[in-house]
C-alpha atoms as a PDB file:
ATOM      1  CA  MET A   1       8.392  21.327 -43.599  1.00  0.00           C
ATOM      2  CA  ASP A   2      11.724  22.571 -42.342  1.00  0.00           C
ATOM      3  CA  TRP A   3      13.264  20.061 -39.888  1.00  0.00           C
ATOM      4  CA  THR A   4      16.586  21.949 -39.350  1.00  0.00           C
ATOM      5  CA  TRP A   5      17.855  21.317 -35.848  1.00  0.00           C
ATOM      6  CA  THR A   6      18.460  24.917 -34.917  1.00  0.00           C
ATOM      7  CA  ALA A   7      19.811  26.182 -31.631  1.00  0.00           C
ATOM      8  CA  LYS A   8      16.376  27.491 -30.711  1.00  0.00           C
ATOM      9  CA  ARG A   9      14.817  24.212 -31.373  1.00  0.00           C
ATOM     10  CA  ARG A  10      17.422  22.379 -29.296  1.00  0.00           C
ATOM     11  CA  ARG A  11      16.801  24.757 -26.396  1.00  0.00           C
ATOM     12  CA  GLN A  12      12.933  24.239 -26.592  1.00  0.00           C
ATOM     13  CA  PHE A  13      13.409  20.480 -26.792  1.00  0.00           C
ATOM     14  CA  CYS A  14      15.726  20.517 -23.670  1.00  0.00           C
ATOM     15  CA  ARG A  15      13.229  22.597 -21.694  1.00  0.00           C
ATOM     16  CA  GLY A  16      10.408  20.295 -22.596  1.00  0.00           C
ATOM     17  CA  ALA A  17      12.385  17.219 -21.630  1.00  0.00           C
ATOM     18  CA  LEU A  18      13.380  18.728 -18.384  1.00  0.00           C
ATOM     19  CA  ALA A  19       9.850  19.751 -17.532  1.00  0.00           C
ATOM     20  CA  THR A  20       8.519  16.260 -18.355  1.00  0.00           C
ATOM     21  CA  CYS A  21      11.347  14.617 -16.248  1.00  0.00           C
ATOM     22  CA  SER A  22      10.527  16.958 -13.341  1.00  0.00           C
ATOM     23  CA  LEU A  23       6.739  16.152 -13.472  1.00  0.00           C
ATOM     24  CA  THR A  24       7.508  12.406 -13.694  1.00  0.00           C
ATOM     25  CA  MET A  25      10.015  12.303 -10.884  1.00  0.00           C
ATOM     26  CA  SER A  26       7.755  14.474  -8.608  1.00  0.00           C
ATOM     27  CA  ALA A  27       5.427  11.392  -8.346  1.00  0.00           C
ATOM     28  CA  CYS A  28       8.330   9.152  -7.155  1.00  0.00           C
ATOM     29  CA  ALA A  29       8.363  10.445  -3.560  1.00  0.00           C
ATOM     30  CA  GLY A  30       5.975  10.183  -0.633  1.00  0.00           C
ATOM     31  CA  SER A  31       4.479   7.547   1.736  1.00  0.00           C
ATOM     32  CA  GLN A  32       3.428   5.283  -1.164  1.00  0.00           C
ATOM     33  CA  SER A  33       6.499   5.441  -3.489  1.00  0.00           C
ATOM     34  CA  ILE A  34       8.428   2.431  -4.646  1.00  0.00           C
ATOM     35  CA  LEU A  35      11.382   4.691  -5.329  1.00  0.00           C
ATOM     36  CA  GLU A  36      11.671   5.879  -1.749  1.00  0.00           C
ATOM     37  CA  PRO A  37      12.135   2.546  -0.063  1.00  0.00           C
ATOM     38  CA  ALA A  38      11.732   2.120   3.718  1.00  0.00           C
ATOM     39  CA  GLY A  39      12.360  -1.636   3.785  1.00  0.00           C
ATOM     40  CA  MET A  40      14.916  -4.224   2.629  1.00  0.00           C
ATOM     41  CA  GLN A  41      12.506  -5.723   0.129  1.00  0.00           C
ATOM     42  CA  ALA A  42      11.561  -2.365  -1.283  1.00  0.00           C
ATOM     43  CA  ALA A  43      15.189  -1.378  -1.606  1.00  0.00           C
ATOM     44  CA  SER A  44      15.816  -4.432  -3.817  1.00  0.00           C
ATOM     45  CA  ILE A  45      12.859  -3.580  -5.948  1.00  0.00           C
ATOM     46  CA  ALA A  46      13.967   0.013  -6.273  1.00  0.00           C
ATOM     47  CA  LYS A  47      17.553  -1.063  -7.181  1.00  0.00           C
ATOM     48  CA  LEU A  48      16.247  -3.503  -9.849  1.00  0.00           C
ATOM     49  CA  PHE A  49      14.057  -0.721 -11.294  1.00  0.00           C
ATOM     50  CA  TRP A  50      16.956   1.650 -11.671  1.00  0.00           C
ATOM     51  CA  TRP A  51      19.090  -1.134 -13.325  1.00  0.00           C
ATOM     52  CA  MET A  52      16.203  -1.850 -15.705  1.00  0.00           C
ATOM     53  CA  PHE A  53      15.776   1.823 -16.414  1.00  0.00           C
ATOM     54  CA  GLY A  54      19.488   2.198 -17.175  1.00  0.00           C
ATOM     55  CA  GLY A  55      19.415  -0.779 -19.465  1.00  0.00           C
ATOM     56  CA  GLY A  56      16.415   0.385 -21.282  1.00  0.00           C
ATOM     57  CA  ALA A  57      17.859   3.914 -21.640  1.00  0.00           C
ATOM     58  CA  LEU A  58      21.083   2.402 -23.086  1.00  0.00           C
ATOM     59  CA  VAL A  59      19.136   0.466 -25.700  1.00  0.00           C
ATOM     60  CA  TRP A  60      17.030   3.497 -26.512  1.00  0.00           C
ATOM     61  CA  ILE A  61      20.095   5.819 -26.863  1.00  0.00           C
ATOM     62  CA  LEU A  62      21.816   3.347 -29.057  1.00  0.00           C
ATOM     63  CA  VAL A  63      18.733   2.980 -31.402  1.00  0.00           C
ATOM     64  CA  VAL A  64      18.159   6.834 -31.588  1.00  0.00           C
ATOM     65  CA  ALA A  65      21.980   7.288 -32.180  1.00  0.00           C
ATOM     66  CA  ALA A  66      21.840   4.809 -35.065  1.00  0.00           C
ATOM     67  CA  ALA A  67      18.900   6.561 -36.578  1.00  0.00           C
ATOM     68  CA  LEU A  68      20.423   9.997 -36.264  1.00  0.00           C
ATOM     69  CA  TYR A  69      23.694   8.616 -37.784  1.00  0.00           C
ATOM     70  CA  VAL A  70      21.830   7.324 -40.799  1.00  0.00           C
ATOM     71  CA  ILE A  71      19.728  10.504 -41.288  1.00  0.00           C
ATOM     72  CA  LYS A  72      22.257  13.170 -40.388  1.00  0.00           C
ATOM     73  CA  VAL A  73      25.828  11.915 -40.664  1.00  0.00           C
ATOM     74  CA  GLN A  74      25.639   9.611 -43.678  1.00  0.00           C
ATOM     75  CA  PRO A  75      22.524  10.520 -45.646  1.00  0.00           C
ATOM     76  CA  GLY A  76      22.116   9.379 -49.361  1.00  0.00           C
ATOM     77  CA  GLU A  77      23.390   6.154 -50.840  1.00  0.00           C
ATOM     78  CA  ARG A  78      23.637   3.318 -48.361  1.00  0.00           C
ATOM     79  CA  GLN A  79      26.338   0.696 -47.854  1.00  0.00           C
ATOM     80  CA  VAL A  80      24.328  -2.573 -47.493  1.00  0.00           C
ATOM     81  CA  ARG A  81      27.077  -4.514 -45.618  1.00  0.00           C
ATOM     82  CA  LYS A  82      27.734  -1.719 -43.214  1.00  0.00           C
ATOM     83  CA  ASP A  83      24.016  -1.100 -42.679  1.00  0.00           C
ATOM     84  CA  GLN A  84      23.434  -4.830 -41.957  1.00  0.00           C
ATOM     85  CA  TRP A  85      26.212  -4.806 -39.269  1.00  0.00           C
ATOM     86  CA  LEU A  86      24.590  -1.670 -37.844  1.00  0.00           C
ATOM     87  CA  ILE A  87      21.191  -3.360 -37.660  1.00  0.00           C
ATOM     88  CA  VAL A  88      22.550  -6.619 -36.317  1.00  0.00           C
ATOM     89  CA  GLY A  89      24.781  -5.066 -33.725  1.00  0.00           C
ATOM     90  CA  GLY A  90      22.522  -2.179 -32.583  1.00  0.00           C
ATOM     91  CA  GLY A  91      19.193  -3.749 -33.076  1.00  0.00           C
ATOM     92  CA  ILE A  92      19.856  -7.423 -32.048  1.00  0.00           C
ATOM     93  CA  LEU A  93      23.199  -8.186 -30.307  1.00  0.00           C
ATOM     94  CA  PHE A  94      23.516  -5.188 -27.975  1.00  0.00           C
ATOM     95  CA  PRO A  95      19.685  -5.175 -26.851  1.00  0.00           C
ATOM     96  CA  ALA A  96      19.981  -9.029 -26.303  1.00  0.00           C
ATOM     97  CA  ALA A  97      23.214  -8.685 -24.192  1.00  0.00           C
ATOM     98  CA  VAL A  98      21.635  -5.897 -22.114  1.00  0.00           C
ATOM     99  CA  LEU A  99      18.324  -7.771 -21.562  1.00  0.00           C
ATOM    100  CA  SER A 100      20.193 -10.953 -20.754  1.00  0.00           C
ATOM    101  CA  ALA A 101      22.273  -9.207 -18.239  1.00  0.00           C
ATOM    102  CA  LEU A 102      19.186  -7.610 -16.603  1.00  0.00           C
ATOM    103  CA  LEU A 103      17.420 -11.075 -16.475  1.00  0.00           C
ATOM    104  CA  VAL A 104      20.437 -12.663 -14.701  1.00  0.00           C
ATOM    105  CA  TYR A 105      20.579  -9.786 -12.272  1.00  0.00           C
ATOM    106  CA  GLY A 106      16.835 -10.010 -11.576  1.00  0.00           C
ATOM    107  CA  LEU A 107      16.949 -13.709 -11.050  1.00  0.00           C
ATOM    108  CA  SER A 108      19.912 -13.193  -8.635  1.00  0.00           C
ATOM    109  CA  LEU A 109      17.718 -11.197  -6.263  1.00  0.00           C
ATOM    110  CA  MET A 110      15.068 -13.932  -5.928  1.00  0.00           C
ATOM    111  CA  PRO A 111      16.911 -16.076  -3.280  1.00  0.00           C
ATOM    112  CA  HIS A 112      17.010 -12.976  -0.984  1.00  0.00           C
ATOM    113  CA  SER A 113      13.184 -12.678  -1.136  1.00  0.00           C
ATOM    114  CA  ARG A 114      12.513 -16.148   0.218  1.00  0.00           C
ATOM    115  CA  LEU A 115      10.436 -16.466   3.227  1.00  0.00           C
ATOM    116  CA  ASN A 116      12.080 -16.667   6.575  1.00  0.00           C
ATOM    117  CA  GLU A 117      10.298 -19.090   9.015  1.00  0.00           C
ATOM    118  CA  GLN A 118      12.094 -17.569  11.951  1.00  0.00           C
ATOM    119  CA  ALA A 119      10.508 -14.104  11.421  1.00  0.00           C
ATOM    120  CA  ASP A 120      10.430 -11.865  14.492  1.00  0.00           C
ATOM    121  CA  LEU A 121       6.674 -11.186  14.075  1.00  0.00           C
ATOM    122  CA  ASN A 122       3.613 -12.965  12.525  1.00  0.00           C
ATOM    123  CA  VAL A 123       0.773 -10.875  11.198  1.00  0.00           C
ATOM    124  CA  ASN A 124      -2.376 -12.253   9.643  1.00  0.00           C
ATOM    125  CA  VAL A 125      -4.189 -10.008   7.149  1.00  0.00           C
ATOM    126  CA  ALA A 126      -7.467 -10.924   5.477  1.00  0.00           C
ATOM    127  CA  GLY A 127      -8.945  -8.908   2.720  1.00  0.00           C
ATOM    128  CA  GLU A 128     -12.619  -8.110   3.227  1.00  0.00           C
ATOM    129  CA  GLN A 129     -15.097  -6.093   1.069  1.00  0.00           C
ATOM    130  CA  TRP A 130     -13.847  -3.361   1.539  1.00  0.00           C
ATOM    131  CA  TRP A 131     -11.503  -3.281   4.480  1.00  0.00           C
ATOM    132  CA  TRP A 132      -8.588  -5.160   6.057  1.00  0.00           C
ATOM    133  CA  ARG A 133      -8.839  -7.563   9.041  1.00  0.00           C
ATOM    134  CA  VAL A 134      -5.535  -7.533  10.832  1.00  0.00           C
ATOM    135  CA  GLN A 135      -4.460 -10.054  13.511  1.00  0.00           C
ATOM    136  CA  TYR A 136      -1.229 -10.180  15.474  1.00  0.00           C
ATOM    137  CA  GLU A 137       0.035 -13.373  17.144  1.00  0.00           C
ATOM    138  CA  THR A 138       1.780 -12.495  20.467  1.00  0.00           C
ATOM    139  CA  THR A 139       4.619 -14.507  22.021  1.00  0.00           C
ATOM    140  CA  GLU A 140       2.115 -15.795  24.571  1.00  0.00           C
ATOM    141  CA  GLY A 141      -0.063 -17.231  21.698  1.00  0.00           C
ATOM    142  CA  GLU A 142      -2.750 -14.605  22.124  1.00  0.00           C
ATOM    143  CA  VAL A 143      -4.375 -13.057  18.972  1.00  0.00           C
ATOM    144  CA  VAL A 144      -4.904  -9.315  18.917  1.00  0.00           C
ATOM    145  CA  GLU A 145      -7.356  -8.112  16.211  1.00  0.00           C
ATOM    146  CA  LEU A 146      -7.721  -4.673  14.744  1.00  0.00           C
ATOM    147  CA  ALA A 147      -8.593  -3.248  11.319  1.00  0.00           C
ATOM    148  CA  ASN A 148      -7.200  -1.166   8.512  1.00  0.00           C
ATOM    149  CA  GLU A 149      -3.947  -0.430  10.292  1.00  0.00           C
ATOM    150  CA  ILE A 150      -0.645  -2.160  10.662  1.00  0.00           C
ATOM    151  CA  ARG A 151       2.233  -1.172  13.017  1.00  0.00           C
ATOM    152  CA  LEU A 152       5.616  -2.840  12.689  1.00  0.00           C
ATOM    153  CA  PRO A 153       8.955  -2.638  14.671  1.00  0.00           C
ATOM    154  CA  VAL A 154      11.804  -1.120  12.766  1.00  0.00           C
ATOM    155  CA  ASP A 155      14.646  -3.432  11.739  1.00  0.00           C
ATOM    156  CA  LYS A 156      12.638  -6.536  12.600  1.00  0.00           C
ATOM    157  CA  SER A 157      11.260  -9.074  10.134  1.00  0.00           C
ATOM    158  CA  ALA A 158       7.453  -9.560   9.798  1.00  0.00           C
ATOM    159  CA  LEU A 159       5.827 -12.590   8.100  1.00  0.00           C
ATOM    160  CA  PHE A 160       2.409 -11.785   6.693  1.00  0.00           C
ATOM    161  CA  ASN A 161      -0.036 -14.598   6.204  1.00  0.00           C
ATOM    162  CA  LEU A 162      -2.461 -13.256   3.564  1.00  0.00           C
ATOM    163  CA  THR A 163      -5.953 -14.636   2.985  1.00  0.00           C
ATOM    164  CA  SER A 164      -9.333 -13.701   1.565  1.00  0.00           C
ATOM    165  CA  ASP A 165     -12.816 -15.348   1.922  1.00  0.00           C
ATOM    166  CA  ASN A 166     -14.616 -13.321  -0.767  1.00  0.00           C
ATOM    167  CA  VAL A 167     -12.699 -12.196  -3.967  1.00  0.00           C
ATOM    168  CA  ILE A 168      -9.098 -11.798  -4.890  1.00  0.00           C
ATOM    169  CA  HIS A 169      -7.384  -8.829  -3.351  1.00  0.00           C
ATOM    170  CA  SER A 170      -3.768  -7.752  -3.581  1.00  0.00           C
ATOM    171  CA  PHE A 171      -1.777  -6.580  -0.501  1.00  0.00           C
ATOM    172  CA  TRP A 172       0.674  -3.874  -1.281  1.00  0.00           C
ATOM    173  CA  ILE A 173       2.850  -1.442   0.760  1.00  0.00           C
ATOM    174  CA  PRO A 174       4.937   0.155  -1.927  1.00  0.00           C
ATOM    175  CA  SER A 175       7.558   1.739   0.455  1.00  0.00           C
ATOM    176  CA  LEU A 176       8.179  -1.570   2.219  1.00  0.00           C
ATOM    177  CA  GLY A 177       7.987  -4.278  -0.466  1.00  0.00           C
ATOM    178  CA  GLY A 178       6.218  -5.855  -3.406  1.00  0.00           C
ATOM    179  CA  LYS A 179       2.652  -7.001  -3.690  1.00  0.00           C
ATOM    180  CA  VAL A 180       1.174 -10.418  -3.087  1.00  0.00           C
ATOM    181  CA  ASP A 181      -2.410 -11.537  -4.124  1.00  0.00           C
ATOM    182  CA  MET A 182      -4.895 -12.735  -1.473  1.00  0.00           C
ATOM    183  CA  ILE A 183      -6.828 -15.684  -3.024  1.00  0.00           C
ATOM    184  CA  PRO A 184      -9.873 -17.198  -1.530  1.00  0.00           C
ATOM    185  CA  GLY A 185      -9.112 -20.670  -0.143  1.00  0.00           C
ATOM    186  CA  ARG A 186      -5.363 -20.163  -0.045  1.00  0.00           C
ATOM    187  CA  THR A 187      -2.883 -18.516   2.311  1.00  0.00           C
ATOM    188  CA  ASN A 188      -0.004 -16.614   0.626  1.00  0.00           C
ATOM    189  CA  GLN A 189       2.883 -15.252   2.600  1.00  0.00           C
ATOM    190  CA  MET A 190       5.085 -12.086   2.400  1.00  0.00           C
ATOM    191  CA  LEU A 191       8.223 -11.146   4.394  1.00  0.00           C
ATOM    192  CA  LEU A 192       8.900  -7.568   4.999  1.00  0.00           C
ATOM    193  CA  GLU A 193      11.686  -5.863   7.029  1.00  0.00           C
ATOM    194  CA  PRO A 194      11.335  -2.068   7.629  1.00  0.00           C
ATOM    195  CA  THR A 195      14.489  -0.106   7.852  1.00  0.00           C
ATOM    196  CA  ARG A 196      13.268   3.220   9.042  1.00  0.00           C
ATOM    197  CA  THR A 197      10.420   4.569  11.059  1.00  0.00           C
ATOM    198  CA  GLY A 198       7.512   6.598   9.677  1.00  0.00           C
ATOM    199  CA  ILE A 199       3.993   6.207   8.444  1.00  0.00           C
ATOM    200  CA  PHE A 200       3.446   4.676   5.011  1.00  0.00           C
ATOM    201  CA  SER A 201       0.418   4.064   2.854  1.00  0.00           C
ATOM    202  CA  GLY A 202      -0.865   0.625   1.647  1.00  0.00           C
ATOM    203  CA  ALA A 203      -3.638  -0.347  -0.799  1.00  0.00           C
ATOM    204  CA  CYS A 204      -5.421  -3.145  -2.525  1.00  0.00           C
ATOM    205  CA  ALA A 205      -3.646  -3.474  -5.962  1.00  0.00           C
ATOM    206  CA  GLU A 206      -6.327  -5.768  -7.533  1.00  0.00           C
ATOM    207  CA  TYR A 207      -9.691  -4.596  -8.521  1.00  0.00           C
ATOM    208  CA  CYS A 208     -12.095  -6.154  -6.037  1.00  0.00           C
ATOM    209  CA  GLY A 209     -15.471  -4.464  -6.512  1.00  0.00           C
ATOM    210  CA  THR A 210     -17.324  -1.281  -6.142  1.00  0.00           C
ATOM    211  CA  SER A 211     -15.337   0.362  -3.373  1.00  0.00           C
ATOM    212  CA  HIS A 212     -11.934  -1.007  -4.353  1.00  0.00           C
ATOM    213  CA  THR A 213     -10.418   2.494  -4.447  1.00  0.00           C
ATOM    214  CA  PHE A 214     -11.585   3.075  -0.805  1.00  0.00           C
ATOM    215  CA  MET A 215      -9.587  -0.017   0.442  1.00  0.00           C
ATOM    216  CA  ARG A 216      -6.555   1.741   1.783  1.00  0.00           C
ATOM    217  CA  PHE A 217      -4.612   1.406   5.079  1.00  0.00           C
ATOM    218  CA  ARG A 218      -1.797   2.984   7.007  1.00  0.00           C
ATOM    219  CA  VAL A 219       1.474   1.357   8.157  1.00  0.00           C
ATOM    220  CA  GLN A 220       3.325   2.773  11.040  1.00  0.00           C
ATOM    221  CA  VAL A 221       6.916   1.679  11.617  1.00  0.00           C
ATOM    222  CA  MET A 222       7.919   2.263  15.288  1.00  0.00           C
ATOM    223  CA  LYS A 223      10.821   1.752  17.514  1.00  0.00           C
ATOM    224  CA  GLN A 224      10.745  -1.716  19.117  1.00  0.00           C
ATOM    225  CA  GLN A 225      10.011  -0.486  22.652  1.00  0.00           C
ATOM    226  CA  ALA A 226       7.166   1.777  21.363  1.00  0.00           C
ATOM    227  CA  PHE A 227       5.756  -1.189  19.333  1.00  0.00           C
ATOM    228  CA  GLU A 228       5.764  -3.566  22.256  1.00  0.00           C
ATOM    229  CA  HIS A 229       3.932  -0.929  24.347  1.00  0.00           C
ATOM    230  CA  TRP A 230       1.331  -0.393  21.591  1.00  0.00           C
ATOM    231  CA  LEU A 231       0.755  -4.218  21.150  1.00  0.00           C
ATOM    232  CA  THR A 232       0.369  -4.689  24.925  1.00  0.00           C
ATOM    233  CA  HIS A 233      -2.197  -1.833  24.903  1.00  0.00           C
ATOM    234  CA  GLN A 234      -4.026  -3.337  21.852  1.00  0.00           C
ATOM    235  CA  ALA A 235      -4.399  -6.716  23.825  1.00  0.00           C
ATOM    236  CA  GLN A 236      -6.268  -4.894  26.606  1.00  0.00           C
ATOM    237  CA  PRO A 237     -10.135  -4.647  26.750  1.00  0.00           C
ATOM    238  CA  ALA A 238     -11.760  -1.331  25.916  1.00  0.00           C
ATOM    239  CA  ARG A 239     -11.710   1.087  28.692  1.00  0.00           C
ATOM    240  CA  PRO A 240     -15.145   2.119  30.231  1.00  0.00           C
ATOM    241  CA  PRO A 241     -16.889   5.462  29.056  1.00  0.00           C
ATOM    242  CA  ALA A 242     -15.258   8.382  30.758  1.00  0.00           C
ATOM    243  CA  THR A 243     -18.163  10.811  30.143  1.00  0.00           C
ATOM    244  CA  ALA A 244     -21.937  10.834  30.288  1.00  0.00           C
ATOM    245  CA  ALA A 245     -22.019  11.384  26.489  1.00  0.00           C
ATOM    246  CA  ALA A 246     -19.764   8.392  26.024  1.00  0.00           C
ATOM    247  CA  SER A 247     -21.911   6.257  28.307  1.00  0.00           C
ATOM    248  CA  GLU A 248     -24.980   7.145  26.284  1.00  0.00           C
ATOM    249  CA  GLY A 249     -23.055   6.296  23.172  1.00  0.00           C
ATOM    250  CA  LEU A 250     -22.308   2.824  24.606  1.00  0.00           C
ATOM    251  CA  ARG A 251     -26.024   2.260  25.372  1.00  0.00           C
ATOM    252  CA  ILE A 252     -26.931   3.373  21.879  1.00  0.00           C
ATOM    253  CA  PHE A 253     -24.279   1.043  20.353  1.00  0.00           C
ATOM    254  CA  MET A 254     -25.568  -2.007  22.211  1.00  0.00           C
ATOM    255  CA  SER A 255     -29.256  -1.281  21.559  1.00  0.00           C
ATOM    256  CA  ASN A 256     -29.206  -0.508  17.896  1.00  0.00           C
ATOM    257  CA  GLY A 257     -27.719  -3.736  16.421  1.00  0.00           C
ATOM    258  CA  CYS A 258     -24.082  -2.558  16.242  1.00  0.00           C
ATOM    259  CA  ALA A 259     -22.874  -5.290  18.543  1.00  0.00           C
ATOM    260  CA  THR A 260     -24.216  -7.989  16.224  1.00  0.00           C
ATOM    261  CA  CYS A 261     -21.450  -7.014  13.628  1.00  0.00           C
ATOM    262  CA  HIS A 262     -18.724  -5.453  15.694  1.00  0.00           C
ATOM    263  CA  THR A 263     -16.558  -6.604  18.629  1.00  0.00           C
ATOM    264  CA  ILE A 264     -15.593  -4.317  21.538  1.00  0.00           C
ATOM    265  CA  ARG A 265     -13.615  -6.465  23.983  1.00  0.00           C
ATOM    266  CA  GLY A 266     -14.672  -5.667  27.492  1.00  0.00           C
ATOM    267  CA  THR A 267     -18.366  -5.393  26.509  1.00  0.00           C
ATOM    268  CA  ASP A 268     -21.022  -7.825  25.279  1.00  0.00           C
ATOM    269  CA  ALA A 269     -20.357  -6.717  21.708  1.00  0.00           C
ATOM    270  CA  SER A 270     -18.884  -9.810  19.933  1.00  0.00           C
ATOM    271  CA  GLY A 271     -19.918  -9.485  16.259  1.00  0.00           C
ATOM    272  CA  ARG A 272     -17.479 -10.832  13.675  1.00  0.00           C
ATOM    273  CA  LEU A 273     -18.932  -9.392  10.427  1.00  0.00           C
ATOM    274  CA  GLY A 274     -17.381  -5.961  10.743  1.00  0.00           C
ATOM    275  CA  PRO A 275     -14.085  -4.583  12.085  1.00  0.00           C
ATOM    276  CA  ASP A 276     -12.955  -4.849  15.704  1.00  0.00           C
ATOM    277  CA  LEU A 277     -13.634  -1.533  17.393  1.00  0.00           C
ATOM    278  CA  THR A 278     -12.001  -2.186  20.747  1.00  0.00           C
ATOM    279  CA  HIS A 279      -9.402   0.552  20.292  1.00  0.00           C
ATOM    280  CA  VAL A 280     -10.726   2.247  17.156  1.00  0.00           C
ATOM    281  CA  GLY A 281     -10.157   5.718  18.515  1.00  0.00           C
ATOM    282  CA  SER A 282      -6.440   5.248  18.576  1.00  0.00           C
ATOM    283  CA  ARG A 283      -6.149   4.435  14.870  1.00  0.00           C
ATOM    284  CA  LEU A 284      -4.751   6.700  12.181  1.00  0.00           C
ATOM    285  CA  SER A 285      -7.792   6.790  10.006  1.00  0.00           C
ATOM    286  CA  LEU A 286     -11.390   5.696   9.739  1.00  0.00           C
ATOM    287  CA  ALA A 287     -13.200   3.509   7.199  1.00  0.00           C
ATOM    288  CA  ALA A 288     -10.134   1.925   5.660  1.00  0.00           C
ATOM    289  CA  GLY A 289      -8.189   5.075   5.130  1.00  0.00           C
ATOM    290  CA  THR A 290     -11.199   7.012   3.765  1.00  0.00           C
ATOM    291  CA  LEU A 291     -11.724   9.530   6.614  1.00  0.00           C
ATOM    292  CA  PRO A 292      -9.486  11.172   9.227  1.00  0.00           C
ATOM    293  CA  MET A 293      -9.712   9.991  12.762  1.00  0.00           C
ATOM    294  CA  ALA A 294     -12.116  12.533  14.544  1.00  0.00           C
ATOM    295  CA  PRO A 295     -15.502  12.505  16.221  1.00  0.00           C
ATOM    296  CA  ALA A 296     -17.070  14.354  13.194  1.00  0.00           C
ATOM    297  CA  SER A 297     -15.768  11.546  10.905  1.00  0.00           C
ATOM    298  CA  PHE A 298     -17.570   8.944  13.008  1.00  0.00           C
ATOM    299  CA  VAL A 299     -20.838  10.933  12.651  1.00  0.00           C
ATOM    300  CA  SER A 300     -20.306  11.220   8.794  1.00  0.00           C
ATOM    301  CA  TRP A 301     -19.515   7.527   8.459  1.00  0.00           C
ATOM    302  CA  ILE A 302     -22.439   6.220  10.516  1.00  0.00           C
ATOM    303  CA  ASP A 303     -24.946   8.669   8.902  1.00  0.00           C
ATOM    304  CA  HIS A 304     -23.715   8.306   5.279  1.00  0.00           C
ATOM    305  CA  THR A 305     -22.040   4.980   5.138  1.00  0.00           C
ATOM    306  CA  ARG A 306     -22.997   3.987   1.591  1.00  0.00           C
ATOM    307  CA  ASN A 307     -22.410   7.489   0.136  1.00  0.00           C
ATOM    308  CA  ILE A 308     -18.793   7.444   1.435  1.00  0.00           C
ATOM    309  CA  LYS A 309     -18.180   3.806   0.551  1.00  0.00           C
ATOM    310  CA  PRO A 310     -20.610   2.500  -2.054  1.00  0.00           C
ATOM    311  CA  GLY A 311     -21.587  -1.123  -1.673  1.00  0.00           C
ATOM    312  CA  ALA A 312     -20.516  -1.290   1.993  1.00  0.00           C
ATOM    313  CA  ASP A 313     -22.348  -3.911   4.010  1.00  0.00           C
ATOM    314  CA  MET A 314     -22.951  -1.550   6.857  1.00  0.00           C
ATOM    315  CA  PRO A 315     -26.265   0.238   6.546  1.00  0.00           C
ATOM    316  CA  PRO A 316     -26.468   4.010   7.347  1.00  0.00           C
ATOM    317  CA  PHE A 317     -27.990   4.938  10.688  1.00  0.00           C
ATOM    318  CA  ALA A 318     -29.428   8.347   9.892  1.00  0.00           C
ATOM    319  CA  VAL A 319     -32.591   7.422  11.755  1.00  0.00           C
ATOM    320  CA  LEU A 320     -30.748   7.843  14.979  1.00  0.00           C
ATOM    321  CA  GLY A 321     -30.738  11.621  14.779  1.00  0.00           C
ATOM    322  CA  GLU A 322     -28.067  14.137  15.490  1.00  0.00           C
ATOM    323  CA  ASP A 323     -27.991  13.830  19.286  1.00  0.00           C
ATOM    324  CA  LYS A 324     -27.642   9.999  19.221  1.00  0.00           C
ATOM    325  CA  LEU A 325     -25.039  10.151  16.515  1.00  0.00           C
ATOM    326  CA  ASP A 326     -22.947  12.644  18.561  1.00  0.00           C
ATOM    327  CA  ALA A 327     -23.093  10.382  21.625  1.00  0.00           C
ATOM    328  CA  LEU A 328     -22.033   7.376  19.619  1.00  0.00           C
ATOM    329  CA  ALA A 329     -19.202   9.290  18.042  1.00  0.00           C
ATOM    330  CA  ALA A 330     -18.164  10.443  21.635  1.00  0.00           C
ATOM    331  CA  TYR A 331     -18.007   6.797  22.677  1.00  0.00           C
ATOM    332  CA  LEU A 332     -16.171   5.422  19.702  1.00  0.00           C
ATOM    333  CA  SER A 333     -13.531   8.222  19.338  1.00  0.00           C
ATOM    334  CA  GLY A 334     -12.758   7.614  23.205  1.00  0.00           C
ATOM    335  CA  LEU A 335     -11.939   3.938  22.545  1.00  0.00           C
ATOM    336  CA  GLU A 336      -8.142   4.572  22.502  1.00  0.00           C
END
């Protein structure tokens, strides 16, 4: 086989390498990218990644250069002593020096990731199967609960207390920071400080069961004043139904067992098994990031729960029929 490194083959190789790099780097942007940081902790992780990438590239270039030198520049009879120094220097000493420098740099970042007990905000997150229970602690000591959505003020530190009462989950918002496991019987903590506003994606990074892949959530980073207004609104009870259809939806909700699993503050619904629905209509998504927030999504979710999220504890309520499902959706989507 002819391995001559012709100009044509060089051009083909370069085109292939560029295409591969383009496809690879196209996945490094978006609301769930570790390489497009929106928080102090994520910026440190991205910086460490690029230094490690550079160090690995240096080692790779040296090894490839040494191989090309042996094959192309000085083929034929070998000089043992010279080759030994090439192997020791390029294969042992240089990689060891690069990896040691990267280790020291990585360890130097660890003190900056320590938890700050004087965080501006405390957020409790519990991993459920398969959704997220989120609780905010206000300055007045009141606990505000919602589900599958987190909102944070920009340029303020937030201390997350992470728990689970079922299996091991892993809490991860790539654009804001690293991941931390949620272990039954233990509370782990994570400190995040967003540096720009926007909507970012989070997920469970530890396989936790049948619907692990449907355990997503949204994080909205807001200006401080907007966040305070939002949190104050979330602490309020649900507003009464505004239409006849919504009133009928409330009646259906209370008479078909929904209130035994869900809480709607301001009503007699006080169930704790499922998500708090007090202001569910104001959230960015439904069913832990599985469906867009819209009345039609409520109908689909209630009618086909276990088709959308296999293994979910909530049973489907197709028996209600189309009219009652529409009324129930009108009520729930109006809880803003």
